[in-house]
Amino acid sequence: MNWRKHILFIEDLEIDLEDLHRLLAALRRHRIFKKIRGLVIGSLSKDRHTARGKNFQKRALLFLKIYLAEVLKRRQKLGYPLPILLVPNFGHNITRNMPVIPIGGHVSIAKSKTLTFQLSKKKEAAG
């Protein structure tokens, strides 16, 4: 599979740092971070509005940044930087205007950091 056209979304409300490490290690072992077009990170804490939840989110993001430092440097040097977008929530605990990404759905990310979700990919106009 050609991962260069794909964006990886990560969100898990019940993860701990050990499980996050295992997840990242598996993705790195398969060289996913070398190939993906971008990385979007959602909430990693169920109670993200509390001090405890905010602290865990901050620690998890710092861990992720440190863990991927070598990949980020290498991609930057090769002229293919890995953009990372932090999104507070992909749909967990949201009751209105849920931005849930259905399997098989498509997402576009604009430079303004807005996400557009659609169930089917728009047909390209014939040239």
N, C-alpha and C. Protein backbone atom coordinates (compact mmCIF):
# COMPACT_ATOMS: atom_id res chain seq x y z
N MET A 1 0.84 -1.18 0.00
CA MET A 1 0.00 0.00 0.00
C MET A 1 0.89 1.25 0.00
N ASN A 2 0.52 2.21 -0.82
CA ASN A 2 1.27 3.46 -0.88
C ASN A 2 0.72 4.42 0.19
N TRP A 3 1.45 4.57 1.28
CA TRP A 3 1.01 5.40 2.39
C TRP A 3 1.23 6.88 2.14
N ARG A 4 1.95 7.26 1.08
CA ARG A 4 2.28 8.66 0.84
C ARG A 4 1.05 9.54 0.60
N LYS A 5 -0.07 8.97 0.23
CA LYS A 5 -1.27 9.77 0.00
C LYS A 5 -2.24 9.73 1.19
N HIS A 6 -1.83 9.10 2.27
CA HIS A 6 -2.72 8.93 3.41
C HIS A 6 -2.30 9.76 4.62
N ILE A 7 -3.30 10.16 5.38
CA ILE A 7 -3.10 10.87 6.64
C ILE A 7 -3.49 9.91 7.76
N LEU A 8 -2.64 9.80 8.76
CA LEU A 8 -2.91 8.91 9.89
C LEU A 8 -3.58 9.70 11.01
N PHE A 9 -4.73 9.20 11.48
CA PHE A 9 -5.45 9.81 12.59
C PHE A 9 -5.29 8.91 13.80
N ILE A 10 -4.91 9.50 14.93
CA ILE A 10 -4.76 8.75 16.18
C ILE A 10 -5.60 9.42 17.26
N GLU A 11 -6.49 8.64 17.86
CA GLU A 11 -7.25 9.10 19.02
C GLU A 11 -7.64 7.88 19.83
N ASP A 12 -7.40 7.93 21.11
CA ASP A 12 -7.75 6.83 22.01
C ASP A 12 -7.94 7.41 23.40
N LEU A 13 -9.15 7.35 23.89
CA LEU A 13 -9.48 7.98 25.17
C LEU A 13 -9.06 7.16 26.39
N GLU A 14 -8.72 5.92 26.20
CA GLU A 14 -8.39 5.06 27.34
C GLU A 14 -6.94 4.59 27.30
N ILE A 15 -6.10 5.22 26.53
CA ILE A 15 -4.72 4.76 26.36
C ILE A 15 -3.85 5.24 27.53
N ASP A 16 -2.84 4.46 27.86
CA ASP A 16 -1.83 4.92 28.81
C ASP A 16 -0.52 5.02 28.04
N LEU A 17 0.51 5.57 28.65
CA LEU A 17 1.76 5.81 27.92
C LEU A 17 2.42 4.51 27.44
N GLU A 18 2.27 3.45 28.19
CA GLU A 18 2.83 2.17 27.77
C GLU A 18 2.14 1.66 26.51
N ASP A 19 0.81 1.75 26.47
CA ASP A 19 0.07 1.33 25.28
C ASP A 19 0.36 2.25 24.10
N LEU A 20 0.50 3.54 24.36
CA LEU A 20 0.84 4.49 23.30
C LEU A 20 2.21 4.14 22.71
N HIS A 21 3.15 3.79 23.58
CA HIS A 21 4.47 3.39 23.12
C HIS A 21 4.38 2.16 22.22
N ARG A 22 3.60 1.16 22.62
CA ARG A 22 3.45 -0.05 21.80
C ARG A 22 2.82 0.28 20.45
N LEU A 23 1.81 1.15 20.45
CA LEU A 23 1.16 1.56 19.20
C LEU A 23 2.16 2.25 18.27
N LEU A 24 2.89 3.22 18.81
CA LEU A 24 3.86 3.96 18.00
C LEU A 24 4.98 3.04 17.51
N ALA A 25 5.42 2.12 18.37
CA ALA A 25 6.49 1.19 17.98
C ALA A 25 6.04 0.31 16.81
N ALA A 26 4.80 -0.17 16.86
CA ALA A 26 4.28 -1.00 15.77
C ALA A 26 4.20 -0.20 14.47
N LEU A 27 3.71 1.02 14.55
CA LEU A 27 3.61 1.86 13.35
C LEU A 27 5.01 2.19 12.81
N ARG A 28 5.93 2.46 13.70
CA ARG A 28 7.29 2.79 13.27
C ARG A 28 7.99 1.57 12.67
N ARG A 29 7.76 0.40 13.26
CA ARG A 29 8.35 -0.84 12.74
C ARG A 29 7.92 -1.10 11.30
N HIS A 30 6.70 -0.71 10.98
CA HIS A 30 6.17 -0.87 9.63
C HIS A 30 6.47 0.33 8.73
N ARG A 31 7.27 1.26 9.25
CA ARG A 31 7.73 2.45 8.53
C ARG A 31 6.59 3.36 8.06
N ILE A 32 5.51 3.35 8.82
CA ILE A 32 4.35 4.18 8.46
C ILE A 32 4.70 5.67 8.56
N PHE A 33 5.44 6.06 9.59
CA PHE A 33 5.75 7.48 9.80
C PHE A 33 6.69 8.03 8.72
N LYS A 34 7.43 7.16 8.05
CA LYS A 34 8.31 7.60 6.97
C LYS A 34 7.51 7.91 5.71
N LYS A 35 6.29 7.37 5.62
CA LYS A 35 5.56 7.41 4.36
C LYS A 35 4.30 8.26 4.36
N ILE A 36 3.65 8.41 5.51
CA ILE A 36 2.35 9.09 5.52
C ILE A 36 2.47 10.56 5.13
N ARG A 37 1.38 11.10 4.63
CA ARG A 37 1.34 12.50 4.21
C ARG A 37 1.25 13.44 5.41
N GLY A 38 0.59 13.00 6.48
CA GLY A 38 0.43 13.82 7.66
C GLY A 38 -0.07 12.99 8.82
N LEU A 39 -0.01 13.58 10.01
CA LEU A 39 -0.45 12.92 11.23
C LEU A 39 -1.39 13.86 11.97
N VAL A 40 -2.56 13.36 12.33
CA VAL A 40 -3.53 14.13 13.10
C VAL A 40 -3.75 13.40 14.42
N ILE A 41 -3.57 14.12 15.51
CA ILE A 41 -3.69 13.53 16.84
C ILE A 41 -4.88 14.15 17.55
N GLY A 42 -5.78 13.31 17.98
CA GLY A 42 -6.94 13.76 18.73
C GLY A 42 -6.71 13.62 20.22
N SER A 43 -7.76 13.42 20.95
CA SER A 43 -7.66 13.30 22.39
C SER A 43 -7.08 11.95 22.78
N LEU A 44 -6.20 11.97 23.76
CA LEU A 44 -5.62 10.74 24.29
C LEU A 44 -6.03 10.56 25.75
N SER A 45 -6.98 11.37 26.19
CA SER A 45 -7.43 11.33 27.57
C SER A 45 -8.95 11.46 27.62
N LYS A 46 -9.58 10.59 28.39
CA LYS A 46 -11.04 10.61 28.51
C LYS A 46 -11.51 11.89 29.22
N ASP A 47 -10.76 12.34 30.20
CA ASP A 47 -11.17 13.51 30.98
C ASP A 47 -10.33 14.72 30.58
N ARG A 48 -10.33 15.06 29.30
CA ARG A 48 -9.44 16.09 28.76
C ARG A 48 -9.76 17.50 29.26
N HIS A 49 -10.87 17.68 29.97
CA HIS A 49 -11.23 19.01 30.48
C HIS A 49 -10.78 19.22 31.93
N THR A 50 -10.25 18.16 32.56
CA THR A 50 -9.77 18.29 33.93
C THR A 50 -8.26 18.53 33.93
N ALA A 51 -7.73 18.98 35.04
CA ALA A 51 -6.29 19.20 35.15
C ALA A 51 -5.53 17.89 34.91
N ARG A 52 -6.03 16.81 35.46
CA ARG A 52 -5.39 15.50 35.29
C ARG A 52 -5.38 15.09 33.82
N GLY A 53 -6.50 15.27 33.15
CA GLY A 53 -6.60 14.91 31.73
C GLY A 53 -5.72 15.78 30.85
N LYS A 54 -5.71 17.08 31.13
CA LYS A 54 -4.86 17.99 30.36
C LYS A 54 -3.39 17.65 30.56
N ASN A 55 -3.02 17.31 31.78
CA ASN A 55 -1.64 16.93 32.08
C ASN A 55 -1.25 15.66 31.32
N PHE A 56 -2.15 14.68 31.31
CA PHE A 56 -1.85 13.44 30.59
C PHE A 56 -1.71 13.71 29.10
N GLN A 57 -2.61 14.52 28.53
CA GLN A 57 -2.55 14.85 27.11
C GLN A 57 -1.20 15.51 26.79
N LYS A 58 -0.78 16.44 27.64
CA LYS A 58 0.49 17.14 27.43
C LYS A 58 1.66 16.15 27.49
N ARG A 59 1.64 15.24 28.48
CA ARG A 59 2.71 14.25 28.60
C ARG A 59 2.74 13.30 27.41
N ALA A 60 1.55 12.88 26.96
CA ALA A 60 1.46 11.96 25.82
C ALA A 60 1.98 12.63 24.55
N LEU A 61 1.63 13.90 24.34
CA LEU A 61 2.11 14.60 23.14
C LEU A 61 3.62 14.82 23.20
N LEU A 62 4.15 15.10 24.38
CA LEU A 62 5.59 15.26 24.53
C LEU A 62 6.29 13.93 24.24
N PHE A 63 5.74 12.84 24.75
CA PHE A 63 6.29 11.52 24.48
C PHE A 63 6.30 11.24 22.98
N LEU A 64 5.19 11.53 22.32
CA LEU A 64 5.08 11.30 20.89
C LEU A 64 6.12 12.12 20.12
N LYS A 65 6.28 13.36 20.51
CA LYS A 65 7.26 14.25 19.85
C LYS A 65 8.68 13.71 20.02
N ILE A 66 9.02 13.28 21.22
CA ILE A 66 10.35 12.73 21.48
C ILE A 66 10.54 11.42 20.72
N TYR A 67 9.53 10.57 20.73
CA TYR A 67 9.61 9.27 20.06
C TYR A 67 9.80 9.43 18.56
N LEU A 68 9.17 10.43 17.97
CA LEU A 68 9.25 10.63 16.52
C LEU A 68 10.34 11.62 16.10
N ALA A 69 11.13 12.12 17.04
CA ALA A 69 12.12 13.16 16.74
C ALA A 69 13.04 12.77 15.58
N GLU A 70 13.54 11.55 15.59
CA GLU A 70 14.45 11.11 14.54
C GLU A 70 13.75 11.08 13.18
N VAL A 71 12.53 10.57 13.15
CA VAL A 71 11.75 10.52 11.90
C VAL A 71 11.47 11.94 11.40
N LEU A 72 11.09 12.83 12.32
CA LEU A 72 10.79 14.21 11.93
C LEU A 72 12.02 14.90 11.35
N LYS A 73 13.18 14.71 11.98
CA LYS A 73 14.42 15.31 11.47
C LYS A 73 14.79 14.77 10.10
N ARG A 74 14.69 13.45 9.96
CA ARG A 74 15.05 12.82 8.69
C ARG A 74 14.14 13.30 7.56
N ARG A 75 12.85 13.34 7.83
CA ARG A 75 11.92 13.78 6.78
C ARG A 75 12.14 15.25 6.43
N GLN A 76 12.43 16.08 7.43
CA GLN A 76 12.70 17.50 7.18
C GLN A 76 13.94 17.63 6.29
N LYS A 77 14.96 16.86 6.60
CA LYS A 77 16.21 16.90 5.84
C LYS A 77 16.00 16.46 4.39
N LEU A 78 15.10 15.50 4.18
CA LEU A 78 14.82 15.00 2.84
C LEU A 78 13.85 15.90 2.06
N GLY A 79 13.35 16.96 2.72
CA GLY A 79 12.42 17.87 2.05
C GLY A 79 10.99 17.36 2.03
N TYR A 80 10.69 16.41 2.88
CA TYR A 80 9.35 15.83 2.97
C TYR A 80 8.92 15.84 4.45
N PRO A 81 8.72 17.06 5.01
CA PRO A 81 8.39 17.14 6.44
C PRO A 81 7.06 16.45 6.76
N LEU A 82 6.95 16.01 7.99
CA LEU A 82 5.72 15.37 8.46
C LEU A 82 4.89 16.39 9.22
N PRO A 83 3.82 16.91 8.58
CA PRO A 83 2.97 17.85 9.32
C PRO A 83 2.15 17.11 10.37
N ILE A 84 2.06 17.70 11.55
CA ILE A 84 1.28 17.12 12.64
C ILE A 84 0.25 18.14 13.08
N LEU A 85 -1.00 17.75 13.09
CA LEU A 85 -2.10 18.61 13.48
C LEU A 85 -2.73 18.05 14.75
N LEU A 86 -2.90 18.90 15.76
CA LEU A 86 -3.56 18.49 17.00
C LEU A 86 -5.01 18.93 16.93
N VAL A 87 -5.92 17.99 17.10
CA VAL A 87 -7.36 18.25 17.06
C VAL A 87 -7.92 17.79 18.40
N PRO A 88 -8.66 18.64 19.10
CA PRO A 88 -9.11 18.26 20.45
C PRO A 88 -9.93 16.98 20.52
N ASN A 89 -10.69 16.66 19.47
CA ASN A 89 -11.60 15.53 19.57
C ASN A 89 -12.13 15.19 18.19
N PHE A 90 -12.11 13.91 17.83
CA PHE A 90 -12.66 13.47 16.55
C PHE A 90 -14.13 13.08 16.66
N GLY A 91 -14.70 13.10 17.82
CA GLY A 91 -16.10 12.72 17.93
C GLY A 91 -16.49 12.09 19.25
N HIS A 92 -15.52 11.66 20.05
CA HIS A 92 -15.86 11.11 21.36
C HIS A 92 -16.46 12.20 22.24
N ASN A 93 -17.54 11.92 22.87
CA ASN A 93 -18.23 12.82 23.80
C ASN A 93 -18.77 14.10 23.13
N ILE A 94 -18.89 14.11 21.82
CA ILE A 94 -19.51 15.24 21.12
C ILE A 94 -20.91 14.79 20.71
N THR A 95 -21.90 15.59 21.03
CA THR A 95 -23.27 15.20 20.72
C THR A 95 -23.84 15.95 19.51
N ARG A 96 -23.24 17.10 19.15
CA ARG A 96 -23.72 17.86 17.98
C ARG A 96 -22.59 18.01 16.97
N ASN A 97 -22.96 17.99 15.70
CA ASN A 97 -21.99 18.19 14.62
C ASN A 97 -20.78 17.27 14.76
N MET A 98 -21.04 15.99 14.95
CA MET A 98 -19.96 15.04 15.20
C MET A 98 -19.02 14.93 14.00
N PRO A 99 -17.73 15.15 14.20
CA PRO A 99 -16.78 15.03 13.11
C PRO A 99 -16.19 13.63 12.99
N VAL A 100 -16.97 12.61 13.30
CA VAL A 100 -16.48 11.24 13.26
C VAL A 100 -16.11 10.87 11.83
N ILE A 101 -15.02 10.16 11.67
CA ILE A 101 -14.57 9.75 10.36
C ILE A 101 -15.01 8.31 10.14
N PRO A 102 -16.00 8.08 9.28
CA PRO A 102 -16.43 6.71 9.03
C PRO A 102 -15.37 5.95 8.24
N ILE A 103 -15.32 4.64 8.44
CA ILE A 103 -14.37 3.82 7.67
C ILE A 103 -14.73 3.98 6.20
N GLY A 104 -13.72 4.25 5.41
CA GLY A 104 -13.94 4.47 3.99
C GLY A 104 -14.22 5.92 3.65
N GLY A 105 -14.27 6.78 4.68
CA GLY A 105 -14.49 8.20 4.45
C GLY A 105 -13.20 8.89 4.02
N HIS A 106 -13.34 10.12 3.57
CA HIS A 106 -12.18 10.90 3.12
C HIS A 106 -12.13 12.20 3.89
N VAL A 107 -10.93 12.65 4.16
CA VAL A 107 -10.72 13.86 4.93
C VAL A 107 -9.76 14.76 4.17
N SER A 108 -10.08 16.04 4.14
CA SER A 108 -9.16 17.04 3.58
C SER A 108 -8.77 17.99 4.70
N ILE A 109 -7.51 18.38 4.71
CA ILE A 109 -7.03 19.33 5.71
C ILE A 109 -6.49 20.54 4.96
N ALA A 110 -7.07 21.70 5.23
CA ALA A 110 -6.65 22.94 4.59
C ALA A 110 -5.50 23.56 5.38
N LYS A 111 -4.79 24.48 4.74
CA LYS A 111 -3.70 25.18 5.43
C LYS A 111 -4.22 25.96 6.63
N SER A 112 -5.50 26.31 6.61
CA SER A 112 -6.11 27.02 7.74
C SER A 112 -6.40 26.07 8.91
N LYS A 113 -6.00 24.80 8.77
CA LYS A 113 -6.18 23.75 9.77
C LYS A 113 -7.63 23.33 9.96
N THR A 114 -8.46 23.56 8.95
CA THR A 114 -9.84 23.07 9.00
C THR A 114 -9.90 21.69 8.36
N LEU A 115 -10.72 20.84 8.93
CA LEU A 115 -10.91 19.49 8.42
C LEU A 115 -12.24 19.41 7.69
N THR A 116 -12.26 18.75 6.53
CA THR A 116 -13.50 18.51 5.79
C THR A 116 -13.66 17.01 5.67
N PHE A 117 -14.79 16.49 6.13
CA PHE A 117 -15.07 15.06 6.09
C PHE A 117 -16.10 14.78 5.00
N GLN A 118 -15.92 13.70 4.27
CA GLN A 118 -16.92 13.29 3.28
C GLN A 118 -16.91 11.77 3.18
N LEU A 119 -18.07 11.21 2.85
CA LEU A 119 -18.16 9.76 2.76
C LEU A 119 -17.57 9.21 1.47
N SER A 120 -17.69 9.94 0.38
CA SER A 120 -17.11 9.46 -0.87
C SER A 120 -16.20 10.53 -1.44
N LYS A 121 -15.18 10.08 -2.13
CA LYS A 121 -14.20 11.00 -2.69
C LYS A 121 -14.82 11.69 -3.90
N LYS A 122 -14.61 13.01 -4.01
CA LYS A 122 -15.14 13.76 -5.14
C LYS A 122 -14.47 13.30 -6.41
N LYS A 123 -15.27 13.16 -7.46
CA LYS A 123 -14.73 12.79 -8.76
C LYS A 123 -13.94 13.95 -9.33
N GLU A 124 -12.78 13.65 -9.87
CA GLU A 124 -11.95 14.69 -10.47
C GLU A 124 -12.52 15.03 -11.83
N ALA A 125 -12.54 16.33 -12.17
CA ALA A 125 -13.04 16.77 -13.46
C ALA A 125 -12.11 16.29 -14.56
N ALA A 126 -12.71 15.83 -15.63
CA ALA A 126 -11.92 15.35 -16.77
C ALA A 126 -11.23 16.55 -17.42
N GLY A 127 -9.94 16.41 -17.75
CA GLY A 127 -9.16 17.51 -18.29
C GLY A 127 -9.36 17.62 -19.73
